[in-house]
Amino acid sequence: MMALRESRCIFTALVARLLVRISERQWSHGRVTVAADEWTVKTPRRVRHQDGSTTMLEDAVHVRGSKHHSGLALDLLVYIDDGYVSDGSHPIWAEIDAMAREYDPRFGLGIRFRDANHLSWDE
């Protein structure tokens, strides 16, 4: 089993390579730009209120044990001609997944569990 540090370093290097490749490719869909969102999501989170008190909050978006919590997942924001691609069945997701898996079969999108823009390592 790989140490978390090693997994995170591999994942980060693969993400960097993939983002550059997506940005440099000529797409048939139009001009594609991409951003990363929700990389490492810490849970529980400490929220400080105006009166100085704090509250601990669980992550209400990602499932318990999500790779987001360990820095091994992020969400890709893909734009085609400046329009956000929110449709998980858009063919660009399968194309990006194939590009990612060319680098390593453990690296890819969450298409199989209906979260197309979820990019993760070893999930």
C-alpha atoms as a PDB file:
ATOM      1  CA  MET A   1       0.000   0.000   0.000  1.00  0.00           C
ATOM      2  CA  MET A   2       1.228   3.440  -0.954  1.00  0.00           C
ATOM      3  CA  ALA A   3       1.711   6.144   1.686  1.00  0.00           C
ATOM      4  CA  LEU A   4      -0.719   9.078   1.528  1.00  0.00           C
ATOM      5  CA  ARG A   5       2.145  11.491   0.818  1.00  0.00           C
ATOM      6  CA  GLU A   6       3.231   9.435  -2.188  1.00  0.00           C
ATOM      7  CA  SER A   7      -0.336   9.085  -3.493  1.00  0.00           C
ATOM      8  CA  ARG A   8      -0.953  12.824  -3.162  1.00  0.00           C
ATOM      9  CA  CYS A   9       2.282  13.662  -4.983  1.00  0.00           C
ATOM     10  CA  ILE A  10       1.438  11.292  -7.845  1.00  0.00           C
ATOM     11  CA  PHE A  11      -2.132  12.613  -8.050  1.00  0.00           C
ATOM     12  CA  THR A  12      -0.949  16.232  -8.091  1.00  0.00           C
ATOM     13  CA  ALA A  13       1.583  15.548 -10.864  1.00  0.00           C
ATOM     14  CA  LEU A  14      -1.058  13.744 -12.938  1.00  0.00           C
ATOM     15  CA  VAL A  15      -3.570  16.558 -12.435  1.00  0.00           C
ATOM     16  CA  ALA A  16      -0.998  19.115 -13.609  1.00  0.00           C
ATOM     17  CA  ARG A  17      -0.218  17.083 -16.729  1.00  0.00           C
ATOM     18  CA  LEU A  18      -3.904  16.548 -17.499  1.00  0.00           C
ATOM     19  CA  LEU A  19      -4.851  20.212 -17.064  1.00  0.00           C
ATOM     20  CA  VAL A  20      -2.087  21.283 -19.448  1.00  0.00           C
ATOM     21  CA  ARG A  21      -3.111  18.634 -21.972  1.00  0.00           C
ATOM     22  CA  ILE A  22      -6.782  19.668 -21.818  1.00  0.00           C
ATOM     23  CA  SER A  23      -5.823  23.332 -22.260  1.00  0.00           C
ATOM     24  CA  GLU A  24      -3.506  22.698 -25.212  1.00  0.00           C
ATOM     25  CA  ARG A  25      -5.716  20.273 -27.141  1.00  0.00           C
ATOM     26  CA  GLN A  26      -7.778  21.363 -30.122  1.00  0.00           C
ATOM     27  CA  TRP A  27     -11.278  20.114 -29.276  1.00  0.00           C
ATOM     28  CA  SER A  28     -14.059  19.425 -31.767  1.00  0.00           C
ATOM     29  CA  HIS A  29     -16.545  20.806 -29.214  1.00  0.00           C
ATOM     30  CA  GLY A  30     -15.150  24.354 -29.350  1.00  0.00           C
ATOM     31  CA  ARG A  31     -12.690  26.294 -27.193  1.00  0.00           C
ATOM     32  CA  VAL A  32     -12.277  24.353 -23.942  1.00  0.00           C
ATOM     33  CA  THR A  33     -11.010  25.840 -20.701  1.00  0.00           C
ATOM     34  CA  VAL A  34     -10.817  24.088 -17.370  1.00  0.00           C
ATOM     35  CA  ALA A  35     -10.458  24.919 -13.685  1.00  0.00           C
ATOM     36  CA  ALA A  36     -10.063  22.875 -10.503  1.00  0.00           C
ATOM     37  CA  ASP A  37     -12.501  23.136  -7.602  1.00  0.00           C
ATOM     38  CA  GLU A  38     -12.935  21.454  -4.207  1.00  0.00           C
ATOM     39  CA  TRP A  39      -9.491  19.862  -4.070  1.00  0.00           C
ATOM     40  CA  THR A  40      -8.758  19.049  -0.426  1.00  0.00           C
ATOM     41  CA  VAL A  41     -11.947  19.475   1.579  1.00  0.00           C
ATOM     42  CA  LYS A  42     -11.245  19.391   5.309  1.00  0.00           C
ATOM     43  CA  THR A  43     -13.894  17.912   7.550  1.00  0.00           C
ATOM     44  CA  PRO A  44     -14.923  18.620  10.157  1.00  0.00           C
ATOM     45  CA  ARG A  45     -14.401  22.334   9.634  1.00  0.00           C
ATOM     46  CA  ARG A  46     -14.217  24.890  12.387  1.00  0.00           C
ATOM     47  CA  VAL A  47     -16.392  27.929  11.673  1.00  0.00           C
ATOM     48  CA  ARG A  48     -15.762  31.066  13.734  1.00  0.00           C
ATOM     49  CA  HIS A  49     -18.785  33.238  14.494  1.00  0.00           C
ATOM     50  CA  GLN A  50     -18.800  37.025  14.989  1.00  0.00           C
ATOM     51  CA  ASP A  51     -19.077  36.590  18.764  1.00  0.00           C
ATOM     52  CA  GLY A  52     -15.801  34.593  18.757  1.00  0.00           C
ATOM     53  CA  SER A  53     -17.423  31.201  19.344  1.00  0.00           C
ATOM     54  CA  THR A  54     -16.770  28.298  16.982  1.00  0.00           C
ATOM     55  CA  THR A  55     -18.839  25.469  15.577  1.00  0.00           C
ATOM     56  CA  MET A  56     -17.603  22.238  13.996  1.00  0.00           C
ATOM     57  CA  LEU A  57     -19.308  21.400  10.688  1.00  0.00           C
ATOM     58  CA  GLU A  58     -19.200  18.175   8.722  1.00  0.00           C
ATOM     59  CA  ASP A  59     -18.821  18.308   4.947  1.00  0.00           C
ATOM     60  CA  ALA A  60     -22.417  18.151   3.698  1.00  0.00           C
ATOM     61  CA  VAL A  61     -21.474  17.702   0.026  1.00  0.00           C
ATOM     62  CA  HIS A  62     -19.033  14.802  -0.089  1.00  0.00           C
ATOM     63  CA  VAL A  63     -19.737  11.337   1.295  1.00  0.00           C
ATOM     64  CA  ARG A  64     -17.896  10.124   4.383  1.00  0.00           C
ATOM     65  CA  GLY A  65     -14.522   8.738   3.312  1.00  0.00           C
ATOM     66  CA  SER A  66     -14.503  10.791   0.097  1.00  0.00           C
ATOM     67  CA  LYS A  67     -11.138  11.125  -1.616  1.00  0.00           C
ATOM     68  CA  HIS A  68     -11.725  14.903  -1.406  1.00  0.00           C
ATOM     69  CA  HIS A  69     -10.995  14.681   2.326  1.00  0.00           C
ATOM     70  CA  SER A  70      -7.517  13.234   1.779  1.00  0.00           C
ATOM     71  CA  GLY A  71      -6.515  15.429  -1.175  1.00  0.00           C
ATOM     72  CA  LEU A  72      -6.909  12.607  -3.696  1.00  0.00           C
ATOM     73  CA  ALA A  73      -9.852  14.103  -5.591  1.00  0.00           C
ATOM     74  CA  LEU A  74     -10.977  17.371  -7.095  1.00  0.00           C
ATOM     75  CA  ASP A  75     -13.836  18.571  -9.223  1.00  0.00           C
ATOM     76  CA  LEU A  76     -13.116  19.717 -12.756  1.00  0.00           C
ATOM     77  CA  LEU A  77     -14.965  22.751 -14.036  1.00  0.00           C
ATOM     78  CA  VAL A  78     -15.071  22.477 -17.821  1.00  0.00           C
ATOM     79  CA  TYR A  79     -16.170  25.318 -20.067  1.00  0.00           C
ATOM     80  CA  ILE A  80     -16.810  25.101 -23.799  1.00  0.00           C
ATOM     81  CA  ASP A  81     -16.821  28.506 -25.511  1.00  0.00           C
ATOM     82  CA  ASP A  82     -17.240  30.065 -22.034  1.00  0.00           C
ATOM     83  CA  GLY A  83     -20.320  27.946 -21.217  1.00  0.00           C
ATOM     84  CA  TYR A  84     -20.100  25.688 -18.156  1.00  0.00           C
ATOM     85  CA  VAL A  85     -20.581  21.985 -18.963  1.00  0.00           C
ATOM     86  CA  SER A  86     -22.987  20.741 -16.313  1.00  0.00           C
ATOM     87  CA  ASP A  87     -24.358  17.778 -18.254  1.00  0.00           C
ATOM     88  CA  GLY A  88     -22.577  14.652 -17.016  1.00  0.00           C
ATOM     89  CA  SER A  89     -23.462  12.819 -20.222  1.00  0.00           C
ATOM     90  CA  HIS A  90     -21.655  15.328 -22.457  1.00  0.00           C
ATOM     91  CA  PRO A  91     -19.055  13.408 -24.532  1.00  0.00           C
ATOM     92  CA  ILE A  92     -16.213  15.628 -23.324  1.00  0.00           C
ATOM     93  CA  TRP A  93     -16.272  13.831 -19.947  1.00  0.00           C
ATOM     94  CA  ALA A  94     -15.559  10.444 -21.555  1.00  0.00           C
ATOM     95  CA  GLU A  95     -12.787  12.026 -23.621  1.00  0.00           C
ATOM     96  CA  ILE A  96     -11.160  13.595 -20.548  1.00  0.00           C
ATOM     97  CA  ASP A  97     -11.521  10.316 -18.617  1.00  0.00           C
ATOM     98  CA  ALA A  98      -9.747   8.449 -21.434  1.00  0.00           C
ATOM     99  CA  MET A  99      -6.950  11.050 -21.418  1.00  0.00           C
ATOM    100  CA  ALA A 100      -6.519  10.671 -17.649  1.00  0.00           C
ATOM    101  CA  ARG A 101      -6.469   6.866 -17.771  1.00  0.00           C
ATOM    102  CA  GLU A 102      -3.740   6.981 -20.443  1.00  0.00           C
ATOM    103  CA  TYR A 103      -1.481   8.354 -17.706  1.00  0.00           C
ATOM    104  CA  ASP A 104      -2.511   5.716 -15.170  1.00  0.00           C
ATOM    105  CA  PRO A 105      -5.578   3.434 -14.969  1.00  0.00           C
ATOM    106  CA  ARG A 106      -6.059   4.481 -11.319  1.00  0.00           C
ATOM    107  CA  PHE A 107      -6.506   8.116 -12.391  1.00  0.00           C
ATOM    108  CA  GLY A 108      -9.864   9.133 -13.837  1.00  0.00           C
ATOM    109  CA  LEU A 109     -13.267  10.706 -13.627  1.00  0.00           C
ATOM    110  CA  GLY A 110     -16.244   9.513 -11.603  1.00  0.00           C
ATOM    111  CA  ILE A 111     -18.379   8.738 -14.652  1.00  0.00           C
ATOM    112  CA  ARG A 112     -19.076   5.200 -13.417  1.00  0.00           C
ATOM    113  CA  PHE A 113     -20.661   6.508 -10.200  1.00  0.00           C
ATOM    114  CA  ARG A 114     -22.539   9.369 -11.900  1.00  0.00           C
ATOM    115  CA  ASP A 115     -20.191  12.184 -10.850  1.00  0.00           C
ATOM    116  CA  ALA A 116     -18.594  12.990 -14.207  1.00  0.00           C
ATOM    117  CA  ASN A 117     -16.544  15.997 -13.094  1.00  0.00           C
ATOM    118  CA  HIS A 118     -15.048  14.200 -10.055  1.00  0.00           C
ATOM    119  CA  LEU A 119     -11.389  13.486 -10.832  1.00  0.00           C
ATOM    120  CA  SER A 120      -9.666  11.153  -8.389  1.00  0.00           C
ATOM    121  CA  TRP A 121      -6.837   8.755  -7.705  1.00  0.00           C
ATOM    122  CA  ASP A 122      -7.329   5.048  -7.010  1.00  0.00           C
ATOM    123  CA  GLU A 123     -11.099   5.147  -6.554  1.00  0.00           C
END
